[in-house]
């Protein structure tokens, strides 16, 4: 995630109290969260290797904030499942099977699997929740995480969710899927920030907190390829 959450908070008049991060990997965003003013954290990372490094990173900063770490994946219901482990430090790992041949995955291998526990977010959040930002970075599994948070997602002010316009994992959520679920929970996608050619971050704000004069924002660091370029890339891959 490359968004500055303090700037997001300022645009909608939100406080930066606590953040729940699902798919935290090694905790690369912790310093940015601290700079944004967050003082409480719940962080979820199911893979053994990244979780160990996350724990180390938190120990170096636990004098700065309150941290709760959970070595568990989140989904729509409790389960145990195999996660496809990515060779890039686990950052692209997913409970969904990667689609072979995707250009965005050309330098990433998924040769290993790890069995992980799956729980719902509702198990870890109560109705008196004081964590007001939710960040989802679960490589296409965001839909399942959201379906497992139906009882408590309304306690958040903002949800930052990875969105996709190119499907890189089998059965992964589309941006339309996420929009529909979030609208049902009373949230509107106010910001769309495309980071890569096929993926980016969507900022969903609880409808009751959207200022009357707020306008939807969209930025794109990489415009989608033209139809001609798409044909050329297909030909190059075949050659």
C-alpha atoms as a PDB file:
ATOM      1  CA  UNK A   1       0.000   0.000   0.000  1.00  0.00           C
ATOM      2  CA  UNK A   2       1.399   3.378  -1.035  1.00  0.00           C
ATOM      3  CA  UNK A   3      -1.316   5.681   0.302  1.00  0.00           C
ATOM      4  CA  UNK A   4      -0.597   8.158   3.082  1.00  0.00           C
ATOM      5  CA  UNK A   5      -3.387   7.474   5.528  1.00  0.00           C
ATOM      6  CA  UNK A   6      -2.951  10.762   7.367  1.00  0.00           C
ATOM      7  CA  UNK A   7      -3.818  12.547   4.104  1.00  0.00           C
ATOM      8  CA  UNK A   8      -6.825  10.280   3.592  1.00  0.00           C
ATOM      9  CA  UNK A   9      -7.969  11.005   7.147  1.00  0.00           C
ATOM     10  CA  UNK A  10      -7.589  14.755   6.651  1.00  0.00           C
ATOM     11  CA  UNK A  11      -9.685  14.736   3.466  1.00  0.00           C
ATOM     12  CA  UNK A  12     -12.647  13.235   5.331  1.00  0.00           C
ATOM     13  CA  UNK A  13     -12.127  14.710   8.780  1.00  0.00           C
ATOM     14  CA  UNK A  14     -11.223  11.372  10.358  1.00  0.00           C
ATOM     15  CA  UNK A  15      -9.018  10.637  13.349  1.00  0.00           C
ATOM     16  CA  UNK A  16      -6.100   8.225  13.069  1.00  0.00           C
ATOM     17  CA  UNK A  17      -6.737   6.122  16.170  1.00  0.00           C
ATOM     18  CA  UNK A  18      -6.192   2.478  15.359  1.00  0.00           C
ATOM     19  CA  UNK A  19      -5.571   0.431  12.222  1.00  0.00           C
ATOM     20  CA  UNK A  20      -6.337  -3.211  11.506  1.00  0.00           C
ATOM     21  CA  UNK A  21      -4.065  -4.584   8.786  1.00  0.00           C
ATOM     22  CA  UNK A  22      -4.981  -7.915   7.187  1.00  0.00           C
ATOM     23  CA  UNK A  23      -2.122  -9.418   5.187  1.00  0.00           C
ATOM     24  CA  UNK A  24       0.602  -7.524   7.040  1.00  0.00           C
ATOM     25  CA  UNK A  25       3.525  -9.578   5.678  1.00  0.00           C
ATOM     26  CA  UNK A  26       6.635  -8.306   7.539  1.00  0.00           C
ATOM     27  CA  UNK A  27       5.035  -5.034   8.666  1.00  0.00           C
ATOM     28  CA  UNK A  28       6.509  -2.801   5.991  1.00  0.00           C
ATOM     29  CA  UNK A  29       3.835  -0.147   6.588  1.00  0.00           C
ATOM     30  CA  UNK A  30       4.290   0.210  10.359  1.00  0.00           C
ATOM     31  CA  UNK A  31       6.531   3.288  10.222  1.00  0.00           C
ATOM     32  CA  UNK A  32       4.156   5.014   7.809  1.00  0.00           C
ATOM     33  CA  UNK A  33       1.248   4.246  10.132  1.00  0.00           C
ATOM     34  CA  UNK A  34       3.136   5.671  13.109  1.00  0.00           C
ATOM     35  CA  UNK A  35       3.971   8.819  11.159  1.00  0.00           C
ATOM     36  CA  UNK A  36       0.269   9.151  10.304  1.00  0.00           C
ATOM     37  CA  UNK A  37      -0.535   9.209  14.017  1.00  0.00           C
ATOM     38  CA  UNK A  38      -1.916   5.724  14.650  1.00  0.00           C
ATOM     39  CA  UNK A  39      -1.231   4.397  18.142  1.00  0.00           C
ATOM     40  CA  UNK A  40      -3.013   1.025  18.140  1.00  0.00           C
ATOM     41  CA  UNK A  41      -2.543  -1.907  15.773  1.00  0.00           C
ATOM     42  CA  UNK A  42      -4.068  -5.292  15.061  1.00  0.00           C
ATOM     43  CA  UNK A  43      -2.003  -7.074  12.407  1.00  0.00           C
ATOM     44  CA  UNK A  44      -2.749 -10.407  10.730  1.00  0.00           C
ATOM     45  CA  UNK A  45      -0.177 -12.509   8.866  1.00  0.00           C
ATOM     46  CA  UNK A  46      -0.629 -16.279   8.459  1.00  0.00           C
ATOM     47  CA  UNK A  47       2.743 -17.378   7.029  1.00  0.00           C
ATOM     48  CA  UNK A  48       5.416 -18.514   9.475  1.00  0.00           C
ATOM     49  CA  UNK A  49       8.422 -16.730   7.899  1.00  0.00           C
ATOM     50  CA  UNK A  50       6.850 -13.282   7.387  1.00  0.00           C
ATOM     51  CA  UNK A  51       5.127 -13.484  10.790  1.00  0.00           C
ATOM     52  CA  UNK A  52       8.490 -14.046  12.501  1.00  0.00           C
ATOM     53  CA  UNK A  53       9.889 -10.923  10.811  1.00  0.00           C
ATOM     54  CA  UNK A  54       6.720  -8.981  11.644  1.00  0.00           C
ATOM     55  CA  UNK A  55       7.214  -9.913  15.284  1.00  0.00           C
ATOM     56  CA  UNK A  56      10.800  -8.646  15.191  1.00  0.00           C
ATOM     57  CA  UNK A  57       9.725  -5.355  13.613  1.00  0.00           C
ATOM     58  CA  UNK A  58       7.053  -4.848  16.241  1.00  0.00           C
ATOM     59  CA  UNK A  59       9.454  -5.557  19.124  1.00  0.00           C
ATOM     60  CA  UNK A  60      11.648  -2.705  17.874  1.00  0.00           C
ATOM     61  CA  UNK A  61       8.667  -0.330  17.980  1.00  0.00           C
ATOM     62  CA  UNK A  62       6.454  -1.559  20.796  1.00  0.00           C
ATOM     63  CA  UNK A  63       7.503   1.407  22.939  1.00  0.00           C
ATOM     64  CA  UNK A  64       5.811   3.652  20.355  1.00  0.00           C
ATOM     65  CA  UNK A  65       2.383   2.030  20.120  1.00  0.00           C
ATOM     66  CA  UNK A  66       0.172  -0.868  21.238  1.00  0.00           C
ATOM     67  CA  UNK A  67       0.411  -3.909  18.960  1.00  0.00           C
ATOM     68  CA  UNK A  68      -1.620  -7.107  18.713  1.00  0.00           C
ATOM     69  CA  UNK A  69      -0.315  -9.743  16.283  1.00  0.00           C
ATOM     70  CA  UNK A  70      -2.197 -12.770  14.992  1.00  0.00           C
ATOM     71  CA  UNK A  71      -0.687 -15.586  12.934  1.00  0.00           C
ATOM     72  CA  UNK A  72      -3.888 -16.386  11.112  1.00  0.00           C
ATOM     73  CA  UNK A  73      -5.511 -15.804   7.717  1.00  0.00           C
ATOM     74  CA  UNK A  74      -8.930 -14.186   7.533  1.00  0.00           C
ATOM     75  CA  UNK A  75     -11.826 -15.331   5.371  1.00  0.00           C
ATOM     76  CA  UNK A  76     -15.579 -15.852   5.292  1.00  0.00           C
ATOM     77  CA  UNK A  77     -15.618 -18.795   7.747  1.00  0.00           C
ATOM     78  CA  UNK A  78     -13.253 -20.749  10.034  1.00  0.00           C
ATOM     79  CA  UNK A  79     -11.154 -23.305   8.183  1.00  0.00           C
ATOM     80  CA  UNK A  80      -7.676 -24.632   7.495  1.00  0.00           C
ATOM     81  CA  UNK A  81      -6.357 -24.109   3.989  1.00  0.00           C
ATOM     82  CA  UNK A  82      -3.235 -24.275   1.862  1.00  0.00           C
ATOM     83  CA  UNK A  83      -1.650 -20.942   0.989  1.00  0.00           C
ATOM     84  CA  UNK A  84       0.385 -20.580  -2.195  1.00  0.00           C
ATOM     85  CA  UNK A  85       3.671 -19.097  -0.971  1.00  0.00           C
ATOM     86  CA  UNK A  86       5.298 -16.498  -3.232  1.00  0.00           C
ATOM     87  CA  UNK A  87       9.052 -16.277  -3.686  1.00  0.00           C
ATOM     88  CA  UNK A  88       9.100 -12.478  -3.178  1.00  0.00           C
ATOM     89  CA  UNK A  89       9.296 -12.731   0.596  1.00  0.00           C
ATOM     90  CA  UNK A  90       5.729 -13.980   0.710  1.00  0.00           C
ATOM     91  CA  UNK A  91       4.324 -10.609  -0.388  1.00  0.00           C
ATOM     92  CA  UNK A  92       2.246 -12.058  -3.256  1.00  0.00           C
ATOM     93  CA  UNK A  93       1.156 -15.189  -1.381  1.00  0.00           C
ATOM     94  CA  UNK A  94      -2.527 -16.037  -1.552  1.00  0.00           C
ATOM     95  CA  UNK A  95      -5.106 -18.604  -0.525  1.00  0.00           C
ATOM     96  CA  UNK A  96      -6.122 -18.481  -4.199  1.00  0.00           C
ATOM     97  CA  UNK A  97      -4.198 -20.303  -6.910  1.00  0.00           C
ATOM     98  CA  UNK A  98      -2.125 -17.948  -9.095  1.00  0.00           C
ATOM     99  CA  UNK A  99      -3.004 -17.891 -12.794  1.00  0.00           C
ATOM    100  CA  UNK A 100      -0.042 -19.198 -14.783  1.00  0.00           C
ATOM    101  CA  UNK A 101       1.505 -16.968 -17.421  1.00  0.00           C
ATOM    102  CA  UNK A 102       0.423 -13.634 -15.999  1.00  0.00           C
ATOM    103  CA  UNK A 103       2.976 -10.977 -16.953  1.00  0.00           C
ATOM    104  CA  UNK A 104       2.726  -9.334 -13.541  1.00  0.00           C
ATOM    105  CA  UNK A 105       3.849 -12.645 -11.993  1.00  0.00           C
ATOM    106  CA  UNK A 106       6.672 -13.453 -14.405  1.00  0.00           C
ATOM    107  CA  UNK A 107       9.472 -13.112 -11.814  1.00  0.00           C
ATOM    108  CA  UNK A 108       7.558 -14.741  -8.945  1.00  0.00           C
ATOM    109  CA  UNK A 109       7.481 -18.461  -8.192  1.00  0.00           C
ATOM    110  CA  UNK A 110       4.813 -20.286  -6.184  1.00  0.00           C
ATOM    111  CA  UNK A 111       6.616 -23.579  -5.643  1.00  0.00           C
ATOM    112  CA  UNK A 112       5.740 -23.925  -1.949  1.00  0.00           C
ATOM    113  CA  UNK A 113       2.521 -24.260   0.023  1.00  0.00           C
ATOM    114  CA  UNK A 114       1.850 -23.732   3.712  1.00  0.00           C
ATOM    115  CA  UNK A 115      -1.204 -24.852   5.637  1.00  0.00           C
ATOM    116  CA  UNK A 116      -2.682 -21.961   7.616  1.00  0.00           C
ATOM    117  CA  UNK A 117      -5.539 -21.366  10.028  1.00  0.00           C
ATOM    118  CA  UNK A 118      -8.424 -19.263   8.695  1.00  0.00           C
ATOM    119  CA  UNK A 119     -10.764 -17.272  10.926  1.00  0.00           C
ATOM    120  CA  UNK A 120     -13.198 -14.374  10.442  1.00  0.00           C
ATOM    121  CA  UNK A 121     -12.477 -10.759  11.249  1.00  0.00           C
ATOM    122  CA  UNK A 122     -15.655 -10.688  13.347  1.00  0.00           C
ATOM    123  CA  UNK A 123     -13.921 -13.021  15.809  1.00  0.00           C
ATOM    124  CA  UNK A 124     -11.309 -10.334  16.592  1.00  0.00           C
ATOM    125  CA  UNK A 125     -13.398  -7.135  16.483  1.00  0.00           C
ATOM    126  CA  UNK A 126     -16.234  -6.202  18.815  1.00  0.00           C
ATOM    127  CA  UNK A 127     -18.995  -3.626  18.505  1.00  0.00           C
ATOM    128  CA  UNK A 128     -17.096  -1.228  20.780  1.00  0.00           C
ATOM    129  CA  UNK A 129     -14.232  -1.280  18.293  1.00  0.00           C
ATOM    130  CA  UNK A 130     -11.842   1.672  18.639  1.00  0.00           C
ATOM    131  CA  UNK A 131      -9.876   0.771  15.500  1.00  0.00           C
ATOM    132  CA  UNK A 132     -11.259   3.034  12.803  1.00  0.00           C
ATOM    133  CA  UNK A 133      -9.143   2.109   9.740  1.00  0.00           C
ATOM    134  CA  UNK A 134      -9.155  -1.328   8.087  1.00  0.00           C
ATOM    135  CA  UNK A 135      -6.502  -2.225   5.496  1.00  0.00           C
ATOM    136  CA  UNK A 136      -6.872  -5.344   3.331  1.00  0.00           C
ATOM    137  CA  UNK A 137      -3.957  -6.686   1.295  1.00  0.00           C
ATOM    138  CA  UNK A 138      -4.803 -10.334   0.719  1.00  0.00           C
ATOM    139  CA  UNK A 139      -3.991 -10.899  -2.966  1.00  0.00           C
ATOM    140  CA  UNK A 140      -7.478 -11.389  -4.378  1.00  0.00           C
ATOM    141  CA  UNK A 141      -9.003 -12.829  -1.188  1.00  0.00           C
ATOM    142  CA  UNK A 142     -10.470  -9.493  -0.075  1.00  0.00           C
ATOM    143  CA  UNK A 143     -14.036 -10.542  -0.896  1.00  0.00           C
ATOM    144  CA  UNK A 144     -13.851 -13.474   1.523  1.00  0.00           C
ATOM    145  CA  UNK A 145     -12.369 -11.297   4.275  1.00  0.00           C
ATOM    146  CA  UNK A 146     -15.194  -8.796   3.864  1.00  0.00           C
ATOM    147  CA  UNK A 147     -17.833 -11.517   3.976  1.00  0.00           C
ATOM    148  CA  UNK A 148     -16.383 -12.589   7.306  1.00  0.00           C
ATOM    149  CA  UNK A 149     -16.695  -9.093   8.774  1.00  0.00           C
ATOM    150  CA  UNK A 150     -20.406  -8.432   8.290  1.00  0.00           C
ATOM    151  CA  UNK A 151     -21.115  -8.046  12.018  1.00  0.00           C
ATOM    152  CA  UNK A 152     -18.469  -5.420  12.773  1.00  0.00           C
ATOM    153  CA  UNK A 153     -17.294  -3.720   9.575  1.00  0.00           C
ATOM    154  CA  UNK A 154     -19.734  -0.899  10.240  1.00  0.00           C
ATOM    155  CA  UNK A 155     -17.593   0.130  13.217  1.00  0.00           C
ATOM    156  CA  UNK A 156     -14.794   1.291  10.878  1.00  0.00           C
ATOM    157  CA  UNK A 157     -14.627   4.769   9.380  1.00  0.00           C
ATOM    158  CA  UNK A 158     -12.518   3.819   6.362  1.00  0.00           C
ATOM    159  CA  UNK A 159     -11.545   0.621   4.561  1.00  0.00           C
ATOM    160  CA  UNK A 160      -8.514   0.571   2.256  1.00  0.00           C
ATOM    161  CA  UNK A 161      -8.746  -2.449   0.026  1.00  0.00           C
ATOM    162  CA  UNK A 162      -6.584  -3.771  -2.798  1.00  0.00           C
ATOM    163  CA  UNK A 163      -8.592  -3.627  -6.022  1.00  0.00           C
ATOM    164  CA  UNK A 164      -7.930  -5.274  -9.368  1.00  0.00           C
ATOM    165  CA  UNK A 165      -8.685  -4.629 -13.003  1.00  0.00           C
ATOM    166  CA  UNK A 166      -6.628  -7.650 -14.064  1.00  0.00           C
ATOM    167  CA  UNK A 167      -7.339 -11.020 -12.443  1.00  0.00           C
ATOM    168  CA  UNK A 168      -4.112 -12.777 -11.406  1.00  0.00           C
ATOM    169  CA  UNK A 169      -5.543 -15.426  -9.047  1.00  0.00           C
ATOM    170  CA  UNK A 170      -8.289 -17.946  -9.761  1.00  0.00           C
ATOM    171  CA  UNK A 171     -11.670 -16.831  -8.349  1.00  0.00           C
ATOM    172  CA  UNK A 172     -10.237 -13.551  -7.060  1.00  0.00           C
ATOM    173  CA  UNK A 173     -12.511 -10.597  -6.403  1.00  0.00           C
ATOM    174  CA  UNK A 174     -13.088  -7.946  -9.039  1.00  0.00           C
ATOM    175  CA  UNK A 175     -13.486  -4.269  -8.238  1.00  0.00           C
ATOM    176  CA  UNK A 176     -17.207  -4.704  -8.999  1.00  0.00           C
ATOM    177  CA  UNK A 177     -17.423  -7.472  -6.372  1.00  0.00           C
ATOM    178  CA  UNK A 178     -15.790  -5.261  -3.744  1.00  0.00           C
ATOM    179  CA  UNK A 179     -17.947  -2.240  -4.603  1.00  0.00           C
ATOM    180  CA  UNK A 180     -21.135  -4.306  -4.288  1.00  0.00           C
ATOM    181  CA  UNK A 181     -20.191  -5.783  -0.918  1.00  0.00           C
ATOM    182  CA  UNK A 182     -19.048  -2.452   0.481  1.00  0.00           C
ATOM    183  CA  UNK A 183     -22.188  -0.669  -0.726  1.00  0.00           C
ATOM    184  CA  UNK A 184     -24.213  -3.288   1.150  1.00  0.00           C
ATOM    185  CA  UNK A 185     -22.228  -2.433   4.281  1.00  0.00           C
ATOM    186  CA  UNK A 186     -22.869   1.304   3.835  1.00  0.00           C
ATOM    187  CA  UNK A 187     -19.525   2.366   2.315  1.00  0.00           C
ATOM    188  CA  UNK A 188     -18.709   4.232  -0.900  1.00  0.00           C
ATOM    189  CA  UNK A 189     -15.462   4.006  -2.868  1.00  0.00           C
ATOM    190  CA  UNK A 190     -14.355   7.636  -2.733  1.00  0.00           C
ATOM    191  CA  UNK A 191     -10.810   7.140  -3.996  1.00  0.00           C
ATOM    192  CA  UNK A 192      -9.238   4.852  -6.577  1.00  0.00           C
ATOM    193  CA  UNK A 193      -5.455   4.804  -6.851  1.00  0.00           C
ATOM    194  CA  UNK A 194      -4.060   2.508  -9.545  1.00  0.00           C
ATOM    195  CA  UNK A 195      -0.491   1.638  -8.602  1.00  0.00           C
ATOM    196  CA  UNK A 196       0.355  -1.050 -11.158  1.00  0.00           C
ATOM    197  CA  UNK A 197      -1.137  -1.777 -14.533  1.00  0.00           C
ATOM    198  CA  UNK A 198      -3.616  -4.227 -13.077  1.00  0.00           C
ATOM    199  CA  UNK A 199      -3.953  -3.359  -9.397  1.00  0.00           C
ATOM    200  CA  UNK A 200      -4.287  -0.521  -6.931  1.00  0.00           C
ATOM    201  CA  UNK A 201      -5.947   0.666  -3.730  1.00  0.00           C
ATOM    202  CA  UNK A 202      -9.571   1.608  -3.219  1.00  0.00           C
ATOM    203  CA  UNK A 203     -10.534   3.915  -0.346  1.00  0.00           C
ATOM    204  CA  UNK A 204     -14.014   3.215   0.986  1.00  0.00           C
ATOM    205  CA  UNK A 205     -15.530   5.715   3.425  1.00  0.00           C
ATOM    206  CA  UNK A 206     -18.560   5.028   5.592  1.00  0.00           C
ATOM    207  CA  UNK A 207     -21.439   6.858   3.933  1.00  0.00           C
ATOM    208  CA  UNK A 208     -22.410   8.767   7.069  1.00  0.00           C
ATOM    209  CA  UNK A 209     -18.913  10.289   7.203  1.00  0.00           C
ATOM    210  CA  UNK A 210     -18.575  11.435   3.590  1.00  0.00           C
ATOM    211  CA  UNK A 211     -18.617  15.259   3.457  1.00  0.00           C
ATOM    212  CA  UNK A 212     -21.389  16.709   1.275  1.00  0.00           C
ATOM    213  CA  UNK A 213     -18.879  18.481  -0.953  1.00  0.00           C
ATOM    214  CA  UNK A 214     -16.497  15.519  -1.287  1.00  0.00           C
ATOM    215  CA  UNK A 215     -15.646  14.474  -4.831  1.00  0.00           C
ATOM    216  CA  UNK A 216     -14.461  11.056  -5.903  1.00  0.00           C
ATOM    217  CA  UNK A 217     -10.756  10.853  -6.714  1.00  0.00           C
ATOM    218  CA  UNK A 218      -8.985   8.613  -9.224  1.00  0.00           C
ATOM    219  CA  UNK A 219      -5.281   8.509  -9.981  1.00  0.00           C
ATOM    220  CA  UNK A 220      -3.449   6.163 -12.343  1.00  0.00           C
ATOM    221  CA  UNK A 221       0.298   5.709 -12.369  1.00  0.00           C
ATOM    222  CA  UNK A 222       0.043   3.267 -15.262  1.00  0.00           C
ATOM    223  CA  UNK A 223      -2.663   3.662 -17.855  1.00  0.00           C
ATOM    224  CA  UNK A 224      -4.107   0.413 -19.252  1.00  0.00           C
ATOM    225  CA  UNK A 225      -2.486  -0.723 -22.489  1.00  0.00           C
ATOM    226  CA  UNK A 226      -4.226   0.176 -25.729  1.00  0.00           C
ATOM    227  CA  UNK A 227      -5.839  -2.590 -27.761  1.00  0.00           C
ATOM    228  CA  UNK A 228      -2.921  -2.557 -30.233  1.00  0.00           C
ATOM    229  CA  UNK A 229      -0.361  -2.909 -27.430  1.00  0.00           C
ATOM    230  CA  UNK A 230      -2.320  -5.795 -25.931  1.00  0.00           C
ATOM    231  CA  UNK A 231      -2.194  -7.627 -29.280  1.00  0.00           C
ATOM    232  CA  UNK A 232       1.548  -6.959 -29.615  1.00  0.00           C
ATOM    233  CA  UNK A 233       2.256  -8.279 -26.105  1.00  0.00           C
ATOM    234  CA  UNK A 234       0.273 -11.453 -26.848  1.00  0.00           C
ATOM    235  CA  UNK A 235       2.292 -11.998 -30.021  1.00  0.00           C
ATOM    236  CA  UNK A 236       5.575 -11.432 -28.166  1.00  0.00           C
ATOM    237  CA  UNK A 237       4.641 -13.969 -25.504  1.00  0.00           C
ATOM    238  CA  UNK A 238       3.925 -16.560 -28.175  1.00  0.00           C
ATOM    239  CA  UNK A 239       7.225 -15.993 -30.001  1.00  0.00           C
END
